Amino acid sequence: MTRAEFAAARARTARRSIPELIGLLESEDLRTRFVAEMCLRDATDT
């Protein structure tokens, strides 16, 4: 994944609600879980 692809994935994921982000943490895909966790931390200021 390039830096641009990562930034785009993070921007798309950041638009989701907190419950949706929590749901993404159960994904089989490691990248999805990683980006969801980053976005969830941003959304909750942790």
Protein backbone atom coordinates (compact mmCIF):
# COMPACT_ATOMS: atom_id res chain seq x y z
CA MET A 1 0.00 0.00 0.00
CA THR A 2 1.43 3.35 -0.99
CA ARG A 3 1.28 6.46 1.17
CA ALA A 4 -1.44 7.92 -1.06
CA GLU A 5 -3.51 4.72 -0.91
CA PHE A 6 -3.17 4.65 2.86
CA ALA A 7 -4.22 8.29 3.18
CA ALA A 8 -7.24 7.68 0.94
CA ALA A 9 -8.27 4.58 2.92
CA ARG A 10 -7.92 6.47 6.19
CA ALA A 11 -9.99 9.39 4.87
CA ARG A 12 -12.76 7.04 3.67
CA THR A 13 -12.80 5.14 6.94
CA ALA A 14 -12.76 8.30 9.08
CA ARG A 15 -16.19 9.26 7.69
CA ARG A 16 -17.77 6.24 9.38
CA SER A 17 -19.56 6.36 12.71
CA ILE A 18 -17.96 5.07 15.90
CA PRO A 19 -20.19 1.95 15.95
CA GLU A 20 -19.19 1.22 12.34
CA LEU A 21 -15.51 1.62 13.21
CA ILE A 22 -15.92 -0.77 16.13
CA GLY A 23 -17.53 -3.27 13.76
CA LEU A 24 -14.56 -2.98 11.38
CA LEU A 25 -12.24 -4.09 14.18
CA GLU A 26 -13.69 -7.60 13.67
CA SER A 27 -12.58 -7.70 10.03
CA GLU A 28 -10.45 -10.59 8.79
CA ASP A 29 -8.35 -8.06 6.85
CA LEU A 30 -5.43 -6.71 8.89
CA ARG A 31 -5.27 -3.43 6.96
CA THR A 32 -8.95 -2.78 7.56
CA ARG A 33 -8.54 -3.40 11.29
CA PHE A 34 -5.45 -1.19 11.44
CA VAL A 35 -7.07 1.76 9.67
CA ALA A 36 -10.27 1.35 11.68
CA GLU A 37 -8.31 1.40 14.93
CA MET A 38 -6.47 4.55 13.89
CA CYS A 39 -9.70 6.27 12.94
CA LEU A 40 -11.40 5.14 16.12
CA ARG A 41 -8.55 6.59 18.18
CA ASP A 42 -8.82 9.86 16.25
CA ALA A 43 -12.59 9.96 16.76
CA THR A 44 -12.32 9.35 20.49
CA ASP A 45 -9.16 11.42 21.09
CA THR A 46 -7.30 8.50 22.67
